[in-house]
Amino acid sequence: MSGHDHKGGGMPAGGGHGGGKWGHTGLNRLFSSEFGTQISWLAPLAFAGIVISLLVIGRAVRTDVRRACVIAFGGWLTVTWLVFSFMAGIFHQYYTVALAPALAALVAIGAFSLWIARDKLWARIVTPILIVFTAFWDFSLAGRSQWLPWLKWAILIIGLMGALGFALAGLLRIRQLALVALIVSVIGLMAGPAAWTLYTVSQGHMGSIVLAGPGLTSRSIGGGSGGMPGGAPGGGRHGGGQAGGMAPGNMQQGIPGGDGGPMGSYQMGQDPTDQLGQPSKQGQIARW
């Protein structure tokens, strides 16, 4: 992926522990700034699901499908997460979509494993703790944006209600209450990702850098000018207010989202020529 780096002029190769246009590298990279709201809503549940599922499966037969799924998706999630966390060079937020299938699978497998083990003491303790932790994390992510300011409180309150339901169900051994708590917890923990998804599909996009969800407040984004990783204009908004894209004015730069790079000085539809009156090589590229 770092093969997109430009040699010489243009964008610097970013990364490193000191940060750059593409954020700081390290284990917390995908939890910070706009990376967090792109992919990490259910990450705590997914990583916990690996350990929980292996504990529940135990010493199953070698050909057990559940264990094979945990190993396959767990390896996918862990390796890809580490690569994205430490890779240098150009790294855009939309790369994190590669983690989505593994995250979804491991959340589902982990939740199913906890439901199977719901009569065991450790499962009755771990389940509400995981829900509370994830609810607070989703509360933090939703709070990075000024869009729907009530959403973060709804996530937190519903999540805590689900955790309390599981705690009471485990204490009183009421299976129907556990089922209600499961439904409430799913609603609370899925509210953030669902809201970000609905916002994204309801907005028009242009340019090559597509981000999910609304713009974040400048104080919640680190690095770059204008409060956005990579120095994009807009004071913490995606492309100057366009959700998940570049400002319409940047289409005047020759390429969507152009910033004055190799093709940035040409207008759309122009026929740039060199000093001899012949179409320049860059002009041919722009027309192409």
Protein backbone atom coordinates (compact mmCIF):
# COMPACT_ATOMS: atom_id res chain seq x y z
CA MET A 1 0.00 0.00 0.00
CA SER A 2 2.90 2.29 0.54
CA GLY A 3 3.55 1.86 -3.16
CA HIS A 4 1.32 4.87 -3.73
CA ASP A 5 3.95 7.15 -2.22
CA HIS A 6 5.14 9.97 -4.44
CA LYS A 7 8.87 10.36 -4.95
CA GLY A 8 10.20 13.86 -4.85
CA GLY A 9 7.48 16.52 -4.70
CA GLY A 10 3.93 15.97 -3.62
CA MET A 11 2.87 14.29 -0.45
CA PRO A 12 5.38 13.24 2.18
CA ALA A 13 5.61 9.65 3.24
CA GLY A 14 3.97 10.30 6.62
CA GLY A 15 3.65 7.73 9.40
CA GLY A 16 6.19 6.99 12.05
CA HIS A 17 5.75 7.53 15.76
CA GLY A 18 6.08 11.25 15.17
CA GLY A 19 2.97 11.28 13.02
CA GLY A 20 2.39 12.88 9.64
CA LYS A 21 -0.36 13.36 7.13
CA TRP A 22 -1.63 9.86 7.82
CA GLY A 23 -1.49 9.91 11.59
CA HIS A 24 0.74 8.34 14.20
CA THR A 25 1.66 4.68 13.94
CA GLY A 26 1.20 2.41 16.92
CA LEU A 27 -1.29 0.09 18.53
CA ASN A 28 -3.74 2.94 19.17
CA ARG A 29 -3.71 4.24 15.59
CA LEU A 30 -7.03 2.73 14.53
CA PHE A 31 -8.69 3.89 17.75
CA SER A 32 -7.65 7.52 17.34
CA SER A 33 -8.88 10.49 15.28
CA GLU A 34 -11.08 9.57 12.31
CA PHE A 35 -9.80 6.00 12.09
CA GLY A 36 -11.74 5.14 15.24
CA THR A 37 -15.13 6.18 13.88
CA GLN A 38 -14.47 4.29 10.65
CA ILE A 39 -13.95 0.81 12.07
CA SER A 40 -13.44 0.46 15.83
CA TRP A 41 -17.01 0.69 17.20
CA LEU A 42 -17.23 -3.04 17.94
CA ALA A 43 -13.50 -3.80 18.03
CA PRO A 44 -13.47 -4.54 21.80
CA LEU A 45 -16.16 -7.18 21.30
CA ALA A 46 -14.40 -8.68 18.30
CA PHE A 47 -11.03 -9.11 20.00
CA ALA A 48 -12.69 -10.43 23.15
CA GLY A 49 -14.71 -12.78 20.96
CA ILE A 50 -11.51 -14.57 19.87
CA VAL A 51 -10.56 -15.50 23.43
CA ILE A 52 -14.11 -16.19 24.61
CA SER A 53 -14.91 -18.45 21.66
CA LEU A 54 -11.75 -20.50 22.09
CA LEU A 55 -12.57 -20.95 25.78
CA VAL A 56 -16.12 -22.08 25.04
CA ILE A 57 -15.08 -24.39 22.22
CA GLY A 58 -12.40 -25.94 24.43
CA ARG A 59 -10.99 -29.26 23.27
CA ALA A 60 -13.32 -29.80 20.38
CA VAL A 61 -12.44 -32.20 17.59
CA ARG A 62 -9.76 -31.11 15.13
CA THR A 63 -12.33 -30.52 12.38
CA ASP A 64 -14.62 -28.32 14.50
CA VAL A 65 -16.02 -25.61 12.19
CA ARG A 66 -16.44 -23.03 14.96
CA ARG A 67 -12.79 -23.18 15.94
CA ALA A 68 -11.74 -23.02 12.29
CA CYS A 69 -13.83 -19.85 11.86
CA VAL A 70 -12.33 -18.27 14.97
CA ILE A 71 -8.79 -19.03 13.80
CA ALA A 72 -9.46 -17.81 10.25
CA PHE A 73 -11.26 -14.59 11.15
CA GLY A 74 -9.11 -14.01 14.23
CA GLY A 75 -5.95 -14.27 12.17
CA TRP A 76 -7.44 -11.97 9.54
CA LEU A 77 -8.39 -9.35 12.13
CA THR A 78 -5.16 -9.49 14.14
CA VAL A 79 -2.71 -9.47 11.24
CA THR A 80 -4.53 -6.79 9.25
CA TRP A 81 -5.02 -4.63 12.34
CA LEU A 82 -1.29 -4.78 13.14
CA VAL A 83 -0.33 -4.01 9.54
CA PHE A 84 -2.60 -0.97 9.45
CA SER A 85 -1.40 0.14 12.88
CA PHE A 86 2.28 0.18 12.01
CA MET A 87 2.46 0.70 8.24
CA ALA A 88 4.25 3.88 7.13
CA GLY A 89 3.57 5.94 4.04
CA ILE A 90 0.18 6.79 2.61
CA PHE A 91 -2.63 5.32 4.68
CA HIS A 92 -6.19 6.51 4.11
CA GLN A 93 -9.07 5.90 6.48
CA TYR A 94 -11.08 3.90 3.97
CA TYR A 95 -8.42 1.17 3.96
CA THR A 96 -9.94 0.00 7.23
CA VAL A 97 -12.91 -1.48 5.35
CA ALA A 98 -10.69 -4.55 4.95
CA LEU A 99 -11.28 -5.23 8.65
CA ALA A 100 -15.09 -5.13 8.51
CA PRO A 101 -15.83 -8.79 7.57
CA ALA A 102 -13.53 -10.16 10.26
CA LEU A 103 -14.92 -7.78 12.89
CA ALA A 104 -18.51 -8.68 12.06
CA ALA A 105 -17.82 -12.41 12.11
CA LEU A 106 -15.95 -12.35 15.42
CA VAL A 107 -18.58 -10.19 17.15
CA ALA A 108 -21.25 -12.66 16.09
CA ILE A 109 -19.19 -15.72 17.05
CA GLY A 110 -18.22 -14.20 20.41
CA ALA A 111 -21.80 -13.22 21.24
CA PHE A 112 -23.03 -16.70 20.34
CA SER A 113 -20.32 -18.25 22.50
CA LEU A 114 -21.31 -16.10 25.49
CA TRP A 115 -24.95 -17.04 24.98
CA ILE A 116 -24.06 -20.73 24.99
CA ALA A 117 -22.07 -20.29 28.22
CA ARG A 118 -24.60 -17.95 29.87
CA ASP A 119 -25.20 -20.41 32.74
CA LYS A 120 -21.52 -20.38 33.73
CA LEU A 121 -20.34 -17.90 36.37
CA TRP A 122 -17.51 -16.42 34.30
CA ALA A 123 -19.86 -15.75 31.39
CA ARG A 124 -22.40 -14.04 33.68
CA ILE A 125 -19.61 -11.75 34.89
CA VAL A 126 -17.86 -11.10 31.57
CA THR A 127 -20.98 -10.35 29.53
CA PRO A 128 -22.15 -7.18 31.35
CA ILE A 129 -18.56 -5.96 31.71
CA LEU A 130 -17.99 -6.24 27.96
CA ILE A 131 -21.26 -4.46 27.19
CA VAL A 132 -20.45 -1.60 29.58
CA PHE A 133 -16.93 -1.19 28.17
CA THR A 134 -18.16 -1.21 24.57
CA ALA A 135 -21.00 1.20 25.38
CA PHE A 136 -18.56 3.69 26.90
CA TRP A 137 -16.25 3.30 23.89
CA ASP A 138 -19.10 3.92 21.45
CA PHE A 139 -20.15 6.90 23.59
CA SER A 140 -16.65 8.31 23.14
CA LEU A 141 -16.65 7.75 19.37
CA ALA A 142 -20.09 9.32 18.86
CA GLY A 143 -18.94 12.29 20.93
CA ARG A 144 -16.21 13.07 18.42
CA SER A 145 -18.85 14.56 16.12
CA GLN A 146 -21.34 17.35 16.73
CA TRP A 147 -23.90 15.53 14.58
CA LEU A 148 -26.86 14.22 16.64
CA PRO A 149 -25.42 15.21 20.04
CA TRP A 150 -28.06 13.09 21.80
CA LEU A 151 -26.87 9.93 20.07
CA LYS A 152 -23.92 9.33 22.38
CA TRP A 153 -26.19 9.50 25.42
CA ALA A 154 -28.70 7.14 23.86
CA ILE A 155 -25.89 4.66 23.13
CA LEU A 156 -24.59 4.87 26.70
CA ILE A 157 -27.97 4.64 28.43
CA ILE A 158 -29.28 1.77 26.30
CA GLY A 159 -25.98 -0.08 26.61
CA LEU A 160 -25.99 0.27 30.39
CA MET A 161 -29.59 -0.95 30.49
CA GLY A 162 -28.58 -4.03 28.51
CA ALA A 163 -25.64 -4.70 30.84
CA LEU A 164 -27.86 -4.31 33.90
CA GLY A 165 -30.38 -6.69 32.36
CA PHE A 166 -27.70 -9.34 31.85
CA ALA A 167 -26.39 -8.85 35.38
CA LEU A 168 -29.88 -9.32 36.87
CA ALA A 169 -30.62 -12.25 34.57
CA GLY A 170 -27.43 -13.96 35.70
CA LEU A 171 -28.17 -13.25 39.35
CA LEU A 172 -31.84 -14.28 39.27
CA ARG A 173 -31.41 -17.01 36.60
CA ILE A 174 -34.25 -15.60 34.46
CA ARG A 175 -33.73 -16.66 30.85
CA GLN A 176 -36.45 -14.38 29.45
CA LEU A 177 -34.74 -11.38 31.05
CA ALA A 178 -31.45 -12.41 29.43
CA LEU A 179 -33.17 -12.46 26.03
CA VAL A 180 -34.59 -8.97 26.59
CA ALA A 181 -31.16 -7.77 27.72
CA LEU A 182 -29.63 -9.23 24.56
CA ILE A 183 -32.04 -7.31 22.34
CA VAL A 184 -31.49 -4.06 24.26
CA SER A 185 -27.71 -4.50 24.14
CA VAL A 186 -27.73 -5.10 20.38
CA ILE A 187 -29.77 -1.92 19.85
CA GLY A 188 -27.44 0.14 22.03
CA LEU A 189 -24.14 -1.13 20.65
CA MET A 190 -25.26 -1.08 17.02
CA ALA A 191 -26.73 2.43 17.20
CA GLY A 192 -23.41 4.14 16.50
CA PRO A 193 -22.32 2.08 13.47
CA ALA A 194 -25.88 2.14 12.11
CA ALA A 195 -26.13 5.93 12.42
CA TRP A 196 -22.76 6.43 10.72
CA THR A 197 -23.84 4.08 7.93
CA LEU A 198 -27.17 5.82 7.38
CA TYR A 199 -25.46 9.21 7.29
CA THR A 200 -22.96 7.97 4.73
CA VAL A 201 -25.49 6.44 2.32
CA SER A 202 -27.71 9.52 2.54
CA GLN A 203 -24.98 11.90 1.39
CA GLY A 204 -23.45 12.49 -2.02
CA HIS A 205 -19.74 11.83 -2.41
CA MET A 206 -17.07 13.01 -4.80
CA GLY A 207 -13.35 12.60 -4.92
CA SER A 208 -11.19 9.62 -4.19
CA ILE A 209 -10.99 9.82 -0.38
CA VAL A 210 -14.33 8.59 0.96
CA LEU A 211 -14.99 8.66 4.69
CA ALA A 212 -17.94 7.21 6.57
CA GLY A 213 -20.12 9.33 8.79
CA PRO A 214 -20.26 13.03 9.60
CA GLY A 215 -17.31 15.34 10.12
CA LEU A 216 -15.55 15.33 13.46
CA THR A 217 -14.87 18.27 15.74
CA SER A 218 -11.42 19.76 15.36
CA ARG A 219 -10.45 18.88 18.92
CA SER A 220 -11.09 15.19 18.27
CA ILE A 221 -8.80 15.00 15.23
CA GLY A 222 -5.05 15.10 15.49
CA GLY A 223 -2.51 16.33 12.94
CA GLY A 224 -2.72 18.26 9.70
CA SER A 225 -4.00 21.73 8.97
CA GLY A 226 -7.70 22.36 9.33
CA GLY A 227 -7.90 19.70 12.04
CA MET A 228 -8.00 16.73 9.67
CA PRO A 229 -5.27 14.11 9.14
CA GLY A 230 -3.59 14.96 5.90
CA GLY A 231 -4.22 18.68 6.24
CA ALA A 232 -7.49 18.60 4.31
CA PRO A 233 -9.39 21.88 4.38
CA GLY A 234 -12.69 22.26 6.08
CA GLY A 235 -11.94 22.75 9.76
CA GLY A 236 -12.54 19.13 10.72
CA ARG A 237 -15.23 18.44 8.12
CA HIS A 238 -14.86 15.89 5.35
CA GLY A 239 -13.89 17.86 2.30
CA GLY A 240 -15.20 21.23 3.44
CA GLY A 241 -18.57 19.93 4.53
CA GLN A 242 -19.08 17.18 1.97
CA ALA A 243 -19.47 13.92 3.83
CA GLY A 244 -16.86 11.43 2.82
CA GLY A 245 -15.39 13.38 -0.06
CA MET A 246 -13.55 16.43 -1.32
CA ALA A 247 -14.94 19.91 -1.73
CA PRO A 248 -16.68 20.53 -5.07
CA GLY A 249 -14.26 23.38 -5.76
CA ASN A 250 -11.41 20.92 -5.87
CA MET A 251 -12.89 19.41 -9.03
CA GLN A 252 -11.51 22.52 -10.71
CA GLN A 253 -8.02 21.26 -10.10
CA GLY A 254 -8.05 18.68 -12.86
CA ILE A 255 -8.66 15.65 -10.69
CA PRO A 256 -11.29 15.08 -7.97
CA GLY A 257 -9.91 16.42 -4.72
CA GLY A 258 -6.79 17.79 -6.44
CA ASP A 259 -4.52 19.93 -4.32
CA GLY A 260 -2.12 21.41 -6.78
CA GLY A 261 -0.12 18.23 -7.28
CA PRO A 262 1.26 16.99 -10.61
CA MET A 263 -2.12 17.54 -12.33
CA GLY A 264 -3.49 20.13 -9.96
CA SER A 265 -2.86 23.22 -12.13
CA TYR A 266 -5.15 22.28 -15.02
CA GLN A 267 -8.84 23.01 -15.33
CA MET A 268 -11.22 20.28 -16.31
CA GLY A 269 -11.56 20.23 -20.12
CA GLN A 270 -8.44 22.35 -20.77
CA ASP A 271 -5.80 21.34 -23.31
CA PRO A 272 -2.51 22.36 -21.72
CA THR A 273 0.37 22.71 -24.18
CA ASP A 274 4.08 22.99 -23.81
CA GLN A 275 6.16 25.93 -24.97
CA LEU A 276 6.36 24.58 -28.55
CA GLY A 277 2.59 24.57 -28.90
CA GLN A 278 2.30 20.79 -28.67
CA PRO A 279 0.04 19.14 -26.12
CA SER A 280 2.20 18.46 -23.10
CA LYS A 281 2.49 15.04 -21.56
CA GLN A 282 0.70 16.30 -18.44
CA GLY A 283 -2.08 17.71 -20.60
CA GLN A 284 -2.53 14.34 -22.26
CA ILE A 285 -2.78 12.75 -18.84
CA ALA A 286 -5.39 15.31 -17.77
CA ARG A 287 -7.50 14.64 -20.87
CA TRP A 288 -7.15 10.89 -20.36
